[in-house]
N, C-alpha and C. Protein backbone atom coordinates (compact mmCIF):
# COMPACT_ATOMS: atom_id res chain seq x y z
N MET A 1 -13.15 -53.71 -67.87
CA MET A 1 -14.46 -53.50 -67.07
C MET A 1 -15.90 -54.12 -67.63
N ARG A 2 -15.55 -53.53 -69.21
CA ARG A 2 -16.79 -54.52 -69.68
C ARG A 2 -17.16 -55.63 -69.37
N HIS A 3 -16.09 -56.69 -69.56
CA HIS A 3 -16.19 -58.30 -69.40
C HIS A 3 -16.50 -58.46 -67.63
N PHE A 4 -16.21 -57.37 -66.70
CA PHE A 4 -16.68 -57.51 -65.47
C PHE A 4 -18.33 -57.37 -65.57
N PHE A 5 -18.48 -56.47 -65.79
CA PHE A 5 -20.58 -56.35 -66.27
C PHE A 5 -21.26 -57.03 -67.02
N GLY A 6 -20.45 -57.98 -68.37
CA GLY A 6 -20.82 -58.99 -68.81
C GLY A 6 -20.72 -60.20 -68.20
N LEU A 7 -19.93 -60.60 -67.21
CA LEU A 7 -19.90 -61.60 -66.04
C LEU A 7 -21.17 -61.45 -65.12
N LEU A 8 -21.39 -60.01 -64.82
CA LEU A 8 -22.63 -59.73 -64.02
C LEU A 8 -24.07 -59.78 -64.73
N LEU A 9 -23.92 -59.86 -65.72
CA LEU A 9 -25.01 -59.68 -66.67
C LEU A 9 -25.26 -61.30 -67.22
N GLY A 10 -24.40 -62.21 -67.31
CA GLY A 10 -24.15 -63.40 -67.31
C GLY A 10 -25.13 -64.08 -66.31
N VAL A 11 -24.87 -63.69 -64.97
CA VAL A 11 -25.15 -64.78 -63.95
C VAL A 11 -26.64 -64.17 -64.00
N VAL A 12 -27.03 -62.68 -64.34
CA VAL A 12 -28.54 -62.42 -63.92
C VAL A 12 -29.23 -63.19 -65.49
N VAL A 13 -28.46 -63.31 -66.50
CA VAL A 13 -29.16 -64.09 -67.21
C VAL A 13 -29.51 -65.42 -66.92
N ALA A 14 -28.71 -66.14 -66.61
CA ALA A 14 -29.00 -67.78 -66.11
C ALA A 14 -29.57 -67.55 -65.01
N ALA A 15 -29.87 -66.69 -64.06
CA ALA A 15 -30.86 -67.00 -63.04
C ALA A 15 -31.98 -66.78 -63.87
N ALA A 16 -32.44 -65.88 -64.49
CA ALA A 16 -33.63 -65.61 -65.31
C ALA A 16 -34.17 -66.75 -66.05
N LEU A 17 -33.42 -67.54 -66.84
CA LEU A 17 -33.73 -68.45 -67.50
C LEU A 17 -34.35 -69.94 -66.65
N LEU A 18 -33.45 -70.12 -65.27
CA LEU A 18 -33.50 -71.14 -64.61
C LEU A 18 -34.60 -70.89 -63.68
N VAL A 19 -34.54 -69.80 -63.18
CA VAL A 19 -35.80 -69.21 -62.16
C VAL A 19 -36.81 -69.05 -62.62
N GLY A 20 -36.99 -68.14 -63.66
CA GLY A 20 -37.75 -67.18 -64.37
C GLY A 20 -38.63 -68.14 -65.15
N GLY A 21 -37.63 -68.59 -66.20
CA GLY A 21 -38.21 -69.59 -67.21
C GLY A 21 -38.56 -70.97 -66.76
N GLY A 22 -37.99 -71.34 -65.39
CA GLY A 22 -38.94 -72.59 -64.90
C GLY A 22 -40.18 -72.57 -64.27
N TRP A 23 -40.32 -71.67 -63.52
CA TRP A 23 -41.41 -71.16 -63.26
C TRP A 23 -42.68 -70.67 -63.98
N ALA A 24 -42.37 -69.91 -64.73
CA ALA A 24 -43.22 -69.66 -66.24
C ALA A 24 -43.71 -70.87 -66.75
N SER A 25 -42.87 -71.61 -66.90
CA SER A 25 -43.17 -73.12 -68.02
C SER A 25 -44.00 -73.91 -67.43
N GLN A 26 -43.74 -73.76 -65.86
CA GLN A 26 -44.39 -74.78 -64.83
C GLN A 26 -46.09 -74.43 -64.94
N GLU A 27 -46.05 -73.17 -64.51
CA GLU A 27 -47.51 -72.11 -65.08
C GLU A 27 -48.25 -72.75 -66.12
N ALA A 28 -47.51 -72.35 -67.14
CA ALA A 28 -48.25 -72.76 -68.75
C ALA A 28 -48.54 -73.96 -68.57
N VAL A 29 -47.82 -74.88 -68.06
CA VAL A 29 -48.02 -76.21 -68.13
C VAL A 29 -49.76 -76.58 -67.39
N ARG A 30 -49.33 -75.92 -66.06
CA ARG A 30 -50.59 -76.16 -65.11
C ARG A 30 -52.00 -75.43 -65.62
N GLY A 31 -51.54 -74.52 -66.58
CA GLY A 31 -52.87 -73.91 -67.00
C GLY A 31 -53.19 -74.61 -68.60
N ALA A 32 -52.41 -75.24 -69.12
CA ALA A 32 -52.63 -76.07 -70.39
C ALA A 32 -53.60 -77.26 -69.83
N VAL A 33 -53.21 -77.99 -68.46
CA VAL A 33 -53.52 -78.90 -67.93
C VAL A 33 -55.32 -78.79 -67.58
N GLN A 34 -55.35 -77.67 -66.77
CA GLN A 34 -56.48 -77.60 -66.47
C GLN A 34 -57.32 -76.78 -67.19
N ASN A 35 -56.97 -76.42 -68.37
CA ASN A 35 -57.94 -75.57 -69.65
C ASN A 35 -58.10 -74.22 -69.01
N VAL A 36 -56.96 -73.38 -68.42
CA VAL A 36 -57.27 -72.63 -68.12
C VAL A 36 -57.21 -71.10 -69.03
N ASP A 37 -58.11 -70.25 -68.82
CA ASP A 37 -57.99 -68.87 -69.85
C ASP A 37 -57.34 -68.09 -69.25
N PRO A 38 -55.86 -67.79 -69.91
CA PRO A 38 -55.11 -66.76 -69.24
C PRO A 38 -55.92 -65.35 -69.14
N VAL A 39 -56.68 -64.79 -69.76
CA VAL A 39 -57.07 -63.86 -69.27
C VAL A 39 -58.10 -63.43 -68.03
N ARG A 40 -58.55 -64.69 -67.55
CA ARG A 40 -59.08 -64.81 -66.20
C ARG A 40 -58.17 -64.67 -65.17
N ASP A 41 -57.13 -65.50 -65.53
CA ASP A 41 -56.35 -65.94 -64.37
C ASP A 41 -54.68 -65.24 -64.51
N THR A 42 -54.75 -64.65 -63.31
CA THR A 42 -54.04 -63.39 -62.95
C THR A 42 -52.34 -64.53 -63.17
N ARG A 43 -52.17 -65.60 -62.56
CA ARG A 43 -51.02 -66.12 -62.36
C ARG A 43 -50.46 -66.60 -63.99
N MET A 44 -51.56 -66.87 -64.61
CA MET A 44 -50.99 -67.18 -66.26
C MET A 44 -50.68 -65.74 -66.90
N LEU A 45 -51.18 -64.91 -66.67
CA LEU A 45 -51.21 -63.53 -67.23
C LEU A 45 -49.84 -63.16 -66.78
N ILE A 46 -48.78 -63.59 -65.48
CA ILE A 46 -47.71 -63.21 -64.76
C ILE A 46 -46.79 -64.03 -65.21
N ALA A 47 -47.24 -65.25 -65.55
CA ALA A 47 -46.31 -66.28 -66.27
C ALA A 47 -46.08 -66.23 -67.64
N LEU A 48 -46.83 -65.48 -68.36
CA LEU A 48 -46.72 -64.91 -69.70
C LEU A 48 -46.00 -63.97 -69.80
N GLY A 49 -46.37 -63.06 -68.99
CA GLY A 49 -45.31 -61.50 -68.65
C GLY A 49 -43.69 -61.95 -68.46
N VAL A 50 -43.51 -63.20 -67.40
CA VAL A 50 -42.10 -63.72 -67.28
C VAL A 50 -41.30 -64.06 -68.53
N MET A 51 -42.36 -64.77 -69.02
CA MET A 51 -41.85 -65.43 -70.39
C MET A 51 -41.41 -64.25 -71.46
N VAL A 52 -42.19 -63.20 -71.62
CA VAL A 52 -41.80 -62.03 -72.30
C VAL A 52 -40.57 -61.35 -71.79
N VAL A 53 -40.56 -61.23 -70.63
CA VAL A 53 -39.31 -60.32 -69.87
C VAL A 53 -37.96 -61.22 -70.09
N VAL A 54 -38.12 -62.67 -69.86
CA VAL A 54 -36.96 -63.69 -70.14
C VAL A 54 -36.74 -63.80 -71.49
N GLY A 55 -37.93 -63.82 -72.52
CA GLY A 55 -37.11 -63.75 -73.77
C GLY A 55 -36.59 -62.31 -74.15
N LEU A 56 -37.07 -61.43 -73.98
CA LEU A 56 -36.37 -60.03 -74.42
C LEU A 56 -35.18 -59.80 -73.87
N LEU A 57 -34.62 -60.39 -72.49
CA LEU A 57 -33.45 -60.29 -71.99
C LEU A 57 -32.55 -61.07 -72.83
N LEU A 58 -32.95 -62.35 -73.34
CA LEU A 58 -32.34 -63.17 -73.90
C LEU A 58 -32.06 -62.38 -75.21
N GLY A 59 -32.83 -62.40 -75.96
CA GLY A 59 -33.02 -61.75 -77.45
C GLY A 59 -31.50 -60.08 -77.25
N LEU A 60 -31.77 -59.65 -76.01
CA LEU A 60 -31.06 -58.45 -75.95
C LEU A 60 -29.65 -58.67 -75.83
N VAL A 61 -29.41 -60.07 -74.89
CA VAL A 61 -27.85 -60.43 -74.60
C VAL A 61 -27.49 -60.94 -76.27
N LEU A 62 -28.44 -61.41 -76.73
CA LEU A 62 -27.76 -62.33 -77.73
C LEU A 62 -27.26 -61.23 -79.06
N VAL A 63 -28.35 -60.14 -79.12
CA VAL A 63 -27.75 -59.18 -80.17
C VAL A 63 -26.95 -58.14 -80.17
N THR A 64 -27.02 -57.56 -78.97
CA THR A 64 -26.45 -56.45 -78.63
C THR A 64 -24.95 -56.62 -78.63
N ARG A 65 -24.23 -55.53 -78.15
CA ARG A 65 -22.67 -55.74 -78.34
C ARG A 65 -22.11 -55.51 -76.94
N VAL A 66 -22.61 -56.66 -76.08
CA VAL A 66 -21.67 -56.28 -74.69
C VAL A 66 -20.97 -57.73 -74.86
N SER A 67 -20.46 -57.58 -73.76
CA SER A 67 -19.41 -58.75 -73.63
C SER A 67 -19.77 -59.96 -73.88
N PRO A 68 -19.05 -60.81 -74.60
CA PRO A 68 -19.06 -62.27 -74.30
C PRO A 68 -19.20 -63.22 -72.91
N LEU A 69 -18.78 -62.70 -72.29
CA LEU A 69 -19.09 -63.19 -71.12
C LEU A 69 -20.56 -63.41 -70.78
N SER A 70 -21.53 -62.26 -70.96
CA SER A 70 -22.90 -62.26 -70.51
C SER A 70 -23.64 -63.42 -71.51
N THR A 71 -23.23 -64.03 -72.31
CA THR A 71 -23.66 -65.56 -72.91
C THR A 71 -22.90 -66.79 -72.61
N PHE A 72 -21.59 -66.37 -72.58
CA PHE A 72 -20.95 -67.91 -71.81
C PHE A 72 -21.26 -67.99 -70.89
N VAL A 73 -21.65 -67.36 -69.69
CA VAL A 73 -21.73 -67.97 -68.14
C VAL A 73 -23.22 -68.60 -68.23
N PRO A 74 -23.96 -68.13 -68.73
CA PRO A 74 -25.50 -69.20 -69.06
C PRO A 74 -25.20 -70.35 -69.76
N SER A 75 -24.50 -70.06 -70.73
CA SER A 75 -24.34 -71.47 -71.96
C SER A 75 -23.70 -72.49 -70.96
N MET A 76 -22.59 -71.99 -70.44
CA MET A 76 -22.07 -73.13 -69.85
C MET A 76 -22.69 -73.85 -68.48
N ALA A 77 -23.61 -72.93 -67.87
CA ALA A 77 -24.47 -73.21 -66.58
C ALA A 77 -25.38 -74.25 -67.61
N LEU A 78 -26.02 -74.00 -68.43
CA LEU A 78 -27.42 -74.84 -69.00
C LEU A 78 -26.71 -76.01 -69.71
N LEU A 79 -25.61 -76.19 -70.38
CA LEU A 79 -24.90 -77.08 -71.11
C LEU A 79 -24.22 -78.07 -70.14
N ALA A 80 -23.97 -77.53 -69.15
CA ALA A 80 -23.26 -78.56 -68.11
C ALA A 80 -24.31 -79.10 -67.45
N TRP A 81 -25.23 -78.68 -67.24
CA TRP A 81 -26.24 -79.13 -66.58
C TRP A 81 -27.03 -80.14 -67.86
N THR A 82 -27.17 -79.96 -68.90
CA THR A 82 -27.36 -81.08 -69.86
C THR A 82 -26.55 -82.35 -69.86
N VAL A 83 -25.23 -81.90 -69.77
CA VAL A 83 -24.34 -82.91 -70.11
C VAL A 83 -24.68 -84.04 -68.68
N VAL A 84 -24.80 -83.30 -67.43
CA VAL A 84 -24.85 -83.98 -66.10
C VAL A 84 -26.47 -84.88 -66.37
N TYR A 85 -27.36 -84.27 -66.78
CA TYR A 85 -28.51 -84.71 -66.91
C TYR A 85 -28.54 -86.32 -68.11
N LEU A 86 -27.66 -86.04 -68.80
CA LEU A 86 -27.53 -87.03 -69.93
C LEU A 86 -26.45 -88.11 -69.36
N LEU A 87 -25.64 -87.91 -68.32
CA LEU A 87 -24.70 -88.98 -67.51
C LEU A 87 -25.35 -89.76 -66.65
N ASP A 88 -26.12 -88.91 -65.76
CA ASP A 88 -26.89 -89.50 -64.75
C ASP A 88 -28.09 -88.62 -64.43
N VAL A 89 -29.30 -88.97 -64.74
CA VAL A 89 -30.41 -88.17 -64.61
C VAL A 89 -30.80 -87.58 -63.06
N SER A 90 -30.44 -88.78 -61.94
CA SER A 90 -31.00 -88.68 -60.73
C SER A 90 -29.92 -87.46 -60.21
N ARG A 91 -28.78 -87.48 -60.47
CA ARG A 91 -27.39 -86.63 -60.09
C ARG A 91 -28.36 -85.10 -60.40
N ALA A 92 -28.72 -84.96 -61.76
CA ALA A 92 -29.50 -83.63 -62.50
C ALA A 92 -30.54 -83.12 -61.88
N ALA A 93 -31.36 -84.20 -61.46
CA ALA A 93 -32.43 -83.88 -60.48
C ALA A 93 -31.81 -83.55 -59.07
N SER A 94 -31.20 -84.21 -58.30
CA SER A 94 -30.92 -83.60 -57.31
C SER A 94 -30.40 -82.24 -57.31
N LEU A 95 -29.75 -81.77 -58.26
CA LEU A 95 -29.29 -80.46 -58.11
C LEU A 95 -30.33 -79.14 -58.10
N VAL A 96 -31.78 -79.59 -58.35
CA VAL A 96 -33.30 -78.66 -58.03
C VAL A 96 -33.41 -78.83 -56.71
N PRO A 97 -34.00 -77.35 -56.08
CA PRO A 97 -33.91 -77.36 -54.72
C PRO A 97 -35.64 -78.39 -54.42
N THR A 98 -35.45 -78.99 -53.32
CA THR A 98 -36.59 -79.59 -52.85
C THR A 98 -36.28 -79.48 -51.08
N GLY A 99 -37.69 -80.20 -50.81
CA GLY A 99 -37.70 -80.28 -49.28
C GLY A 99 -38.62 -79.06 -48.83
N PRO A 100 -38.83 -79.37 -47.41
CA PRO A 100 -40.01 -78.73 -46.49
C PRO A 100 -39.63 -77.52 -46.15
N SER A 101 -38.32 -76.87 -46.41
CA SER A 101 -37.82 -75.38 -46.25
C SER A 101 -37.70 -75.00 -47.67
N VAL A 102 -38.15 -75.28 -48.38
CA VAL A 102 -38.04 -74.64 -49.87
C VAL A 102 -39.27 -73.96 -50.13
N HIS A 103 -39.35 -72.56 -50.39
CA HIS A 103 -40.50 -71.83 -50.70
C HIS A 103 -41.32 -72.71 -52.08
N ALA A 104 -42.80 -72.71 -51.68
CA ALA A 104 -43.61 -73.10 -52.57
C ALA A 104 -42.93 -72.58 -54.16
N GLU A 105 -43.19 -71.58 -54.45
CA GLU A 105 -42.75 -70.95 -55.60
C GLU A 105 -41.27 -71.33 -56.11
N LEU A 106 -40.57 -71.31 -55.63
CA LEU A 106 -39.12 -72.03 -55.92
C LEU A 106 -39.04 -73.26 -56.19
N LEU A 107 -39.88 -73.94 -55.22
CA LEU A 107 -40.16 -75.47 -55.87
C LEU A 107 -40.53 -75.68 -57.10
N GLN A 108 -41.85 -74.95 -57.48
CA GLN A 108 -42.41 -75.07 -58.42
C GLN A 108 -41.63 -74.43 -59.88
N ALA A 109 -40.91 -73.62 -59.24
CA ALA A 109 -39.79 -73.27 -60.37
C ALA A 109 -38.64 -74.61 -60.91
N GLY A 110 -38.37 -75.07 -59.70
CA GLY A 110 -37.13 -76.42 -59.93
C GLY A 110 -37.85 -77.04 -60.63
N ARG A 111 -39.20 -77.61 -60.54
CA ARG A 111 -39.83 -78.38 -61.14
C ARG A 111 -39.98 -78.14 -62.98
N GLY A 112 -40.33 -76.91 -62.99
CA GLY A 112 -40.44 -76.44 -64.00
C GLY A 112 -38.81 -76.27 -65.24
N ALA A 113 -38.02 -76.09 -63.97
CA ALA A 113 -36.61 -76.21 -64.86
C ALA A 113 -36.22 -77.55 -65.23
N LEU A 114 -36.60 -78.45 -64.56
CA LEU A 114 -36.44 -80.13 -64.81
C LEU A 114 -37.41 -80.61 -66.17
N THR A 115 -38.38 -80.19 -66.12
CA THR A 115 -39.17 -79.99 -67.41
C THR A 115 -38.49 -79.72 -68.42
N LEU A 116 -37.66 -78.32 -68.47
CA LEU A 116 -37.25 -77.80 -69.64
C LEU A 116 -35.73 -78.53 -70.12
N LEU A 117 -35.31 -79.06 -68.94
CA LEU A 117 -34.10 -79.74 -69.13
C LEU A 117 -34.34 -81.17 -69.84
N SER A 118 -35.01 -81.77 -69.50
CA SER A 118 -35.41 -82.92 -69.97
C SER A 118 -36.31 -83.12 -71.38
N THR A 119 -36.96 -81.94 -71.52
CA THR A 119 -37.14 -81.98 -73.37
C THR A 119 -36.12 -81.44 -73.90
N GLY A 120 -35.29 -81.01 -73.32
CA GLY A 120 -34.04 -80.56 -74.26
C GLY A 120 -33.92 -78.79 -74.58
N VAL A 121 -34.95 -78.28 -74.06
CA VAL A 121 -34.79 -76.49 -74.21
C VAL A 121 -33.83 -76.38 -73.61
N TYR A 122 -33.17 -76.73 -72.61
CA TYR A 122 -31.89 -75.93 -71.96
C TYR A 122 -30.61 -76.34 -72.96
N ALA A 123 -30.50 -77.38 -73.58
CA ALA A 123 -29.07 -77.67 -74.55
C ALA A 123 -29.82 -76.70 -75.50
N LEU A 124 -30.98 -76.46 -76.02
CA LEU A 124 -31.16 -75.64 -77.25
C LEU A 124 -30.74 -74.24 -76.98
N LEU A 125 -31.13 -73.72 -75.62
CA LEU A 125 -30.69 -72.39 -75.27
C LEU A 125 -29.00 -72.15 -74.77
N GLY A 126 -28.37 -73.02 -74.50
CA GLY A 126 -27.23 -73.36 -74.41
C GLY A 126 -26.63 -73.03 -75.54
N ILE A 127 -26.69 -73.96 -76.59
CA ILE A 127 -26.16 -73.70 -77.83
C ILE A 127 -26.43 -72.55 -78.59
N ALA A 128 -27.40 -71.88 -78.36
CA ALA A 128 -27.71 -70.66 -78.79
C ALA A 128 -26.93 -69.56 -78.35
N LEU A 129 -26.68 -69.49 -76.88
CA LEU A 129 -26.03 -68.42 -76.12
C LEU A 129 -24.34 -68.83 -76.44
N PHE A 130 -24.26 -69.99 -76.94
CA PHE A 130 -22.67 -70.06 -76.79
C PHE A 130 -21.97 -69.64 -78.19
N LEU A 131 -22.87 -69.64 -79.10
CA LEU A 131 -22.53 -69.49 -80.52
C LEU A 131 -21.76 -67.66 -80.77
N PRO A 132 -22.43 -66.99 -80.00
CA PRO A 132 -22.03 -65.23 -79.56
C PRO A 132 -20.26 -65.14 -79.12
N VAL A 133 -19.99 -66.29 -78.56
CA VAL A 133 -18.62 -66.39 -77.70
C VAL A 133 -17.89 -66.70 -78.92
N LEU A 134 -18.27 -67.29 -80.00
CA LEU A 134 -17.12 -67.91 -81.18
C LEU A 134 -16.98 -66.61 -81.79
N MET A 135 -17.67 -65.58 -82.02
CA MET A 135 -17.26 -64.50 -82.95
C MET A 135 -16.46 -63.70 -81.87
N PRO A 136 -15.25 -63.27 -83.06
CA PRO A 136 -14.19 -62.64 -82.76
C PRO A 136 -14.33 -61.19 -82.08
N SER A 137 -15.37 -60.49 -83.10
CA SER A 137 -15.63 -58.94 -82.93
C SER A 137 -16.23 -58.77 -81.85
N ARG A 138 -17.08 -59.97 -80.92
CA ARG A 138 -17.67 -59.57 -79.38
C ARG A 138 -16.78 -59.38 -78.27
N TRP A 139 -15.29 -59.99 -78.77
CA TRP A 139 -14.33 -59.67 -77.70
C TRP A 139 -13.55 -58.60 -78.01
N SER A 140 -13.47 -57.68 -79.18
CA SER A 140 -12.65 -56.86 -79.15
C SER A 140 -13.78 -55.63 -78.69
N ARG A 141 -13.36 -54.25 -78.45
CA ARG A 141 -13.76 -53.02 -78.30
C ARG A 141 -14.40 -52.51 -79.47
N PRO A 142 -15.75 -52.09 -79.39
CA PRO A 142 -16.24 -50.91 -80.53
C PRO A 142 -14.88 -50.12 -80.65
N GLU A 143 -15.00 -49.96 -82.07
CA GLU A 143 -14.12 -48.71 -82.41
C GLU A 143 -15.02 -47.47 -82.08
N ARG A 144 -14.04 -46.83 -81.70
CA ARG A 144 -14.39 -45.01 -81.46
C ARG A 144 -13.76 -44.43 -82.74
N GLU A 145 -14.96 -43.65 -82.74
CA GLU A 145 -14.92 -42.28 -83.92
C GLU A 145 -13.89 -41.45 -83.51
N GLU A 146 -13.04 -40.80 -84.37
CA GLU A 146 -12.44 -39.58 -83.97
C GLU A 146 -13.27 -38.74 -84.22
N GLU A 147 -12.94 -37.70 -83.21
CA GLU A 147 -14.06 -36.83 -82.88
C GLU A 147 -13.33 -35.68 -83.85
N GLU A 148 -12.05 -35.12 -83.79
CA GLU A 148 -11.38 -34.31 -84.34
C GLU A 148 -10.24 -35.11 -84.71
N GLU A 149 -10.12 -35.07 -85.98
CA GLU A 149 -8.89 -35.32 -86.98
C GLU A 149 -7.52 -34.49 -86.95
N TYR A 150 -6.62 -35.03 -86.53
CA TYR A 150 -5.30 -34.07 -86.46
C TYR A 150 -5.08 -33.62 -87.69
N GLU A 151 -5.07 -32.29 -88.02
CA GLU A 151 -4.11 -31.71 -89.02
C GLU A 151 -3.23 -31.04 -88.83
N GLU A 152 -2.13 -30.98 -89.60
CA GLU A 152 -0.81 -30.39 -89.35
C GLU A 152 -0.85 -28.90 -89.88
N THR A 153 -0.73 -27.99 -89.32
CA THR A 153 -0.77 -26.41 -89.95
C THR A 153 0.54 -25.78 -89.62
N LEU A 154 0.74 -25.20 -90.87
CA LEU A 154 2.19 -24.75 -90.95
C LEU A 154 2.10 -23.33 -90.40
N GLY A 155 2.64 -22.92 -89.52
CA GLY A 155 2.82 -21.40 -88.93
C GLY A 155 3.32 -20.35 -89.76
N TYR A 156 2.59 -20.21 -90.88
CA TYR A 156 2.82 -19.37 -91.67
C TYR A 156 2.05 -17.53 -91.61
C-alpha cells in the first residue's frame, strides 16, 4: 500500500514540476524581461508562491521516508524527456501542448517547461530525484518499535 501511495505522489510531483514549475519559470522570465517589481505585480507573487510550493514538495519527497516510487516516477519522466530532447529537439518540443484549443496558462506552462528542458534544469532535477531510488533503506519498511516486550513468567 505504501508503494501505491508513493506512485500516486510521484505523479503529483511530476505534474507539479512540469506544469507548476514551467508556468512559474515563464512568469519569472517575463518579470525579468519587463523589469517588473514583484511586490506590485500579483502574477509575479503567485509565481514565486508556486515556486516555493513546488520546491517544498520536492524537498519533502527527497528527504522524508516515503516510497521510492514517489521520486522514481518524476525522475524517469524528466530524464526521458531530456534524452528525447538530446536525440531530437523537434520531437521533444512536440510533446508540449500547443494549438488554439489549449488554455493560455497551460500554453505558458509548456513554454516554461521547454525553457527548463533546454537549459538542463530538468536533467539536474531528474538525477537528484533518482538518487533516493538507489538507497536500499528507502525500499524496506520502517522498523517498528516493540510496544511490549514478551517476558516469560513462571507460574509460581
